[in-house]
């Protein structure tokens, strides 16, 4: 027979899952921020050179 999962085990597993989801969310948000910054920098450079922004 398998070991019965205790309430503490379930809570620990859920906390670990939530922690992993938060880490993934933060990673995604940081990537979006880098991409926005890169796009803005490129647009600013183009504007300074008098080129049309895309």
PDB file of N, CA and C in Angstrom:
ATOM      1  N   UNK A   1       0.827  -1.185   0.000  1.00  0.00           N
ATOM      2  CA  UNK A   1       0.000   0.000   0.000  1.00  0.00           C
ATOM      3  C   UNK A   1       0.873   1.251   0.000  1.00  0.00           C
ATOM      4  N   UNK A   2       0.366   2.283  -0.664  1.00  0.00           N
ATOM      5  CA  UNK A   2       1.098   3.544  -0.724  1.00  0.00           C
ATOM      6  C   UNK A   2       0.910   4.340   0.549  1.00  0.00           C
ATOM      7  N   UNK A   3       1.836   5.221   0.786  1.00  0.00           N
ATOM      8  CA  UNK A   3       1.764   6.088   1.957  1.00  0.00           C
ATOM      9  C   UNK A   3       0.644   7.098   1.774  1.00  0.00           C
ATOM     10  N   UNK A   4      -0.155   7.241   2.790  1.00  0.00           N
ATOM     11  CA  UNK A   4      -1.243   8.215   2.734  1.00  0.00           C
ATOM     12  C   UNK A   4      -0.657   9.616   2.904  1.00  0.00           C
ATOM     13  N   UNK A   5      -1.038  10.527   2.018  1.00  0.00           N
ATOM     14  CA  UNK A   5      -0.543  11.891   2.077  1.00  0.00           C
ATOM     15  C   UNK A   5      -1.169  12.615   3.261  1.00  0.00           C
ATOM     16  N   UNK A   6      -0.329  13.198   4.087  1.00  0.00           N
ATOM     17  CA  UNK A   6      -0.850  13.931   5.237  1.00  0.00           C
ATOM     18  C   UNK A   6      -1.180  15.359   4.811  1.00  0.00           C
ATOM     19  N   UNK A   7      -1.895  16.033   5.671  1.00  0.00           N
ATOM     20  CA  UNK A   7      -2.268  17.414   5.389  1.00  0.00           C
ATOM     21  C   UNK A   7      -1.007  18.285   5.271  1.00  0.00           C
ATOM     22  N   UNK A   8      -0.027  18.028   6.122  1.00  0.00           N
ATOM     23  CA  UNK A   8       1.224  18.793   6.050  1.00  0.00           C
ATOM     24  C   UNK A   8       1.950  18.541   4.736  1.00  0.00           C
ATOM     25  N   UNK A   9       1.952  17.284   4.275  1.00  0.00           N
ATOM     26  CA  UNK A   9       2.585  16.957   3.001  1.00  0.00           C
ATOM     27  C   UNK A   9       1.890  17.687   1.857  1.00  0.00           C
ATOM     28  N   UNK A  10       0.573  17.687   1.881  1.00  0.00           N
ATOM     29  CA  UNK A  10      -0.196  18.353   0.829  1.00  0.00           C
ATOM     30  C   UNK A  10       0.072  19.847   0.832  1.00  0.00           C
ATOM     31  N   UNK A  11       0.103  20.433   2.013  1.00  0.00           N
ATOM     32  CA  UNK A  11       0.379  21.872   2.105  1.00  0.00           C
ATOM     33  C   UNK A  11       1.784  22.202   1.613  1.00  0.00           C
ATOM     34  N   UNK A  12       2.750  21.374   1.957  1.00  0.00           N
ATOM     35  CA  UNK A  12       4.125  21.594   1.505  1.00  0.00           C
ATOM     36  C   UNK A  12       4.203  21.478  -0.011  1.00  0.00           C
ATOM     37  N   UNK A  13       3.517  20.497  -0.576  1.00  0.00           N
ATOM     38  CA  UNK A  13       3.512  20.326  -2.030  1.00  0.00           C
ATOM     39  C   UNK A  13       2.856  21.526  -2.708  1.00  0.00           C
ATOM     40  N   UNK A  14       1.744  21.994  -2.149  1.00  0.00           N
ATOM     41  CA  UNK A  14       1.056  23.154  -2.714  1.00  0.00           C
ATOM     42  C   UNK A  14       1.910  24.412  -2.616  1.00  0.00           C
ATOM     43  N   UNK A  15       2.608  24.594  -1.484  1.00  0.00           N
ATOM     44  CA  UNK A  15       3.500  25.752  -1.339  1.00  0.00           C
ATOM     45  C   UNK A  15       4.614  25.702  -2.373  1.00  0.00           C
ATOM     46  N   UNK A  16       5.176  24.520  -2.580  1.00  0.00           N
ATOM     47  CA  UNK A  16       6.242  24.374  -3.569  1.00  0.00           C
ATOM     48  C   UNK A  16       5.722  24.695  -4.969  1.00  0.00           C
ATOM     49  N   UNK A  17       4.513  24.250  -5.277  1.00  0.00           N
ATOM     50  CA  UNK A  17       3.919  24.533  -6.591  1.00  0.00           C
ATOM     51  C   UNK A  17       3.679  26.029  -6.766  1.00  0.00           C
ATOM     52  N   UNK A  18       3.172  26.674  -5.739  1.00  0.00           N
ATOM     53  CA  UNK A  18       2.915  28.115  -5.799  1.00  0.00           C
ATOM     54  C   UNK A  18       4.226  28.876  -5.961  1.00  0.00           C
ATOM     55  N   UNK A  19       5.249  28.463  -5.218  1.00  0.00           N
ATOM     56  CA  UNK A  19       6.558  29.108  -5.324  1.00  0.00           C
ATOM     57  C   UNK A  19       7.107  28.985  -6.739  1.00  0.00           C
ATOM     58  N   UNK A  20       6.964  27.814  -7.343  1.00  0.00           N
ATOM     59  CA  UNK A  20       7.438  27.605  -8.713  1.00  0.00           C
ATOM     60  C   UNK A  20       6.654  28.468  -9.688  1.00  0.00           C
ATOM     61  N   UNK A  21       5.348  28.571  -9.501  1.00  0.00           N
ATOM     62  CA  UNK A  21       4.532  29.398 -10.391  1.00  0.00           C
ATOM     63  C   UNK A  21       4.915  30.873 -10.282  1.00  0.00           C
ATOM     64  N   UNK A  22       5.163  31.333  -9.063  1.00  0.00           N
ATOM     65  CA  UNK A  22       5.556  32.725  -8.855  1.00  0.00           C
ATOM     66  C   UNK A  22       6.903  32.994  -9.522  1.00  0.00           C
ATOM     67  N   UNK A  23       7.834  32.064  -9.386  1.00  0.00           N
ATOM     68  CA  UNK A  23       9.143  32.226 -10.012  1.00  0.00           C
ATOM     69  C   UNK A  23       9.004  32.303 -11.533  1.00  0.00           C
ATOM     70  N   UNK A  24       8.160  31.468 -12.101  1.00  0.00           N
ATOM     71  CA  UNK A  24       7.943  31.491 -13.544  1.00  0.00           C
ATOM     72  C   UNK A  24       7.297  32.811 -13.972  1.00  0.00           C
ATOM     73  N   UNK A  25       6.330  33.284 -13.196  1.00  0.00           N
ATOM     74  CA  UNK A  25       5.661  34.551 -13.491  1.00  0.00           C
ATOM     75  C   UNK A  25       6.661  35.709 -13.468  1.00  0.00           C
ATOM     76  N   UNK A  26       7.494  35.737 -12.423  1.00  0.00           N
ATOM     77  CA  UNK A  26       8.489  36.805 -12.318  1.00  0.00           C
ATOM     78  C   UNK A  26       9.458  36.770 -13.495  1.00  0.00           C
ATOM     79  N   UNK A  27       9.867  35.581 -13.862  1.00  0.00           N
ATOM     80  CA  UNK A  27      10.780  35.423 -14.990  1.00  0.00           C
ATOM     81  C   UNK A  27      10.153  35.979 -16.271  1.00  0.00           C
ATOM     82  N   UNK A  28       8.890  35.660 -16.483  1.00  0.00           N
ATOM     83  CA  UNK A  28       8.179  36.143 -17.667  1.00  0.00           C
ATOM     84  C   UNK A  28       8.062  37.663 -17.635  1.00  0.00           C
ATOM     85  N   UNK A  29       7.725  38.220 -16.477  1.00  0.00           N
ATOM     86  CA  UNK A  29       7.590  39.670 -16.363  1.00  0.00           C
ATOM     87  C   UNK A  29       8.919  40.367 -16.602  1.00  0.00           C
ATOM     88  N   UNK A  30      10.017  39.791 -16.112  1.00  0.00           N
ATOM     89  CA  UNK A  30      11.331  40.372 -16.341  1.00  0.00           C
ATOM     90  C   UNK A  30      11.694  40.332 -17.823  1.00  0.00           C
ATOM     91  N   UNK A  31      11.351  39.241 -18.496  1.00  0.00           N
ATOM     92  CA  UNK A  31      11.613  39.138 -19.936  1.00  0.00           C
ATOM     93  C   UNK A  31      10.820  40.207 -20.689  1.00  0.00           C
ATOM     94  N   UNK A  32       9.540  40.379 -20.326  1.00  0.00           N
ATOM     95  CA  UNK A  32       8.724  41.408 -20.969  1.00  0.00           C
ATOM     96  C   UNK A  32       9.331  42.796 -20.746  1.00  0.00           C
ATOM     97  N   UNK A  33       9.806  43.059 -19.541  1.00  0.00           N
ATOM     98  CA  UNK A  33      10.402  44.362 -19.236  1.00  0.00           C
ATOM     99  C   UNK A  33      11.648  44.588 -20.088  1.00  0.00           C
ATOM    100  N   UNK A  34      12.493  43.561 -20.219  1.00  0.00           N
ATOM    101  CA  UNK A  34      13.690  43.690 -21.066  1.00  0.00           C
ATOM    102  C   UNK A  34      13.302  43.950 -22.519  1.00  0.00           C
ATOM    103  N   UNK A  35      12.292  43.224 -23.010  1.00  0.00           N
ATOM    104  CA  UNK A  35      11.857  43.411 -24.396  1.00  0.00           C
ATOM    105  C   UNK A  35      11.292  44.816 -24.619  1.00  0.00           C
ATOM    106  N   UNK A  36      10.516  45.321 -23.656  1.00  0.00           N
ATOM    107  CA  UNK A  36       9.979  46.684 -23.772  1.00  0.00           C
ATOM    108  C   UNK A  36      11.108  47.710 -23.797  1.00  0.00           C
ATOM    109  N   UNK A  37      12.078  47.516 -22.907  1.00  0.00           N
ATOM    110  CA  UNK A  37      13.205  48.437 -22.842  1.00  0.00           C
ATOM    111  C   UNK A  37      13.997  48.422 -24.150  1.00  0.00           C
ATOM    112  N   UNK A  38      14.215  47.244 -24.695  1.00  0.00           N
ATOM    113  CA  UNK A  38      14.941  47.130 -25.954  1.00  0.00           C
ATOM    114  C   UNK A  38      14.169  47.815 -27.087  1.00  0.00           C
ATOM    115  N   UNK A  39      12.875  47.585 -27.150  1.00  0.00           N
ATOM    116  CA  UNK A  39      12.050  48.213 -28.188  1.00  0.00           C
ATOM    117  C   UNK A  39      12.078  49.740 -28.050  1.00  0.00           C
ATOM    118  N   UNK A  40      11.944  50.225 -26.817  1.00  0.00           N
ATOM    119  CA  UNK A  40      11.949  51.673 -26.591  1.00  0.00           C
ATOM    120  C   UNK A  40      13.297  52.275 -26.964  1.00  0.00           C
ATOM    121  N   UNK A  41      14.369  51.577 -26.643  1.00  0.00           N
ATOM    122  CA  UNK A  41      15.706  52.075 -26.998  1.00  0.00           C
ATOM    123  C   UNK A  41      15.868  52.154 -28.503  1.00  0.00           C
ATOM    124  N   UNK A  42      15.413  51.138 -29.205  1.00  0.00           N
ATOM    125  CA  UNK A  42      15.503  51.147 -30.665  1.00  0.00           C
ATOM    126  C   UNK A  42      14.653  52.264 -31.257  1.00  0.00           C
ATOM    127  N   UNK A  43      13.453  52.440 -30.740  1.00  0.00           N
ATOM    128  CA  UNK A  43      12.568  53.490 -31.244  1.00  0.00           C
ATOM    129  C   UNK A  43      13.182  54.863 -30.979  1.00  0.00           C
ATOM    130  N   UNK A  44      13.778  55.036 -29.803  1.00  0.00           N
ATOM    131  CA  UNK A  44      14.404  56.313 -29.462  1.00  0.00           C
ATOM    132  C   UNK A  44      15.579  56.602 -30.395  1.00  0.00           C
ATOM    133  N   UNK A  45      16.401  55.570 -30.654  1.00  0.00           N
ATOM    134  CA  UNK A  45      17.526  55.749 -31.575  1.00  0.00           C
ATOM    135  C   UNK A  45      17.034  56.145 -32.966  1.00  0.00           C
ATOM    136  N   UNK A  46      15.999  55.463 -33.440  1.00  0.00           N
ATOM    137  CA  UNK A  46      15.451  55.782 -34.764  1.00  0.00           C
ATOM    138  C   UNK A  46      14.896  57.199 -34.805  1.00  0.00           C
ATOM    139  N   UNK A  47      14.220  57.600 -33.716  1.00  0.00           N
ATOM    140  CA  UNK A  47      13.667  58.949 -33.659  1.00  0.00           C
ATOM    141  C   UNK A  47      14.788  59.993 -33.684  1.00  0.00           C
ATOM    142  N   UNK A  48      15.875  59.710 -32.991  1.00  0.00           N
ATOM    143  CA  UNK A  48      16.993  60.651 -32.978  1.00  0.00           C
ATOM    144  C   UNK A  48      17.638  60.761 -34.367  1.00  0.00           C
ATOM    145  N   UNK A  49      17.601  59.659 -35.116  1.00  0.00           N
ATOM    146  CA  UNK A  49      18.179  59.666 -36.460  1.00  0.00           C
ATOM    147  C   UNK A  49      17.197  60.153 -37.508  1.00  0.00           C
ATOM    148  N   UNK A  50      15.950  60.418 -37.096  1.00  0.00           N
ATOM    149  CA  UNK A  50      14.952  60.910 -38.024  1.00  0.00           C
ATOM    150  C   UNK A  50      14.282  59.834 -38.833  1.00  0.00           C
ATOM    151  N   UNK A  51      14.435  58.574 -38.423  1.00  0.00           N
ATOM    152  CA  UNK A  51      13.796  57.468 -39.142  1.00  0.00           C
ATOM    153  C   UNK A  51      12.401  57.235 -38.580  1.00  0.00           C
ATOM    154  N   UNK A  52      11.577  56.627 -39.399  1.00  0.00           N
ATOM    155  CA  UNK A  52      10.231  56.293 -38.944  1.00  0.00           C
ATOM    156  C   UNK A  52      10.293  55.090 -38.008  1.00  0.00           C
ATOM    157  N   UNK A  53       9.583  55.180 -36.899  1.00  0.00           N
ATOM    158  CA  UNK A  53       9.516  54.048 -35.957  1.00  0.00           C
ATOM    159  C   UNK A  53       8.553  53.003 -36.480  1.00  0.00           C
ATOM    160  N   UNK A  54       8.860  51.765 -36.206  1.00  0.00           N
ATOM    161  CA  UNK A  54       7.993  50.670 -36.670  1.00  0.00           C
ATOM    162  C   UNK A  54       6.983  50.316 -35.628  1.00  0.00           C
TER     163      UNK A  54
END
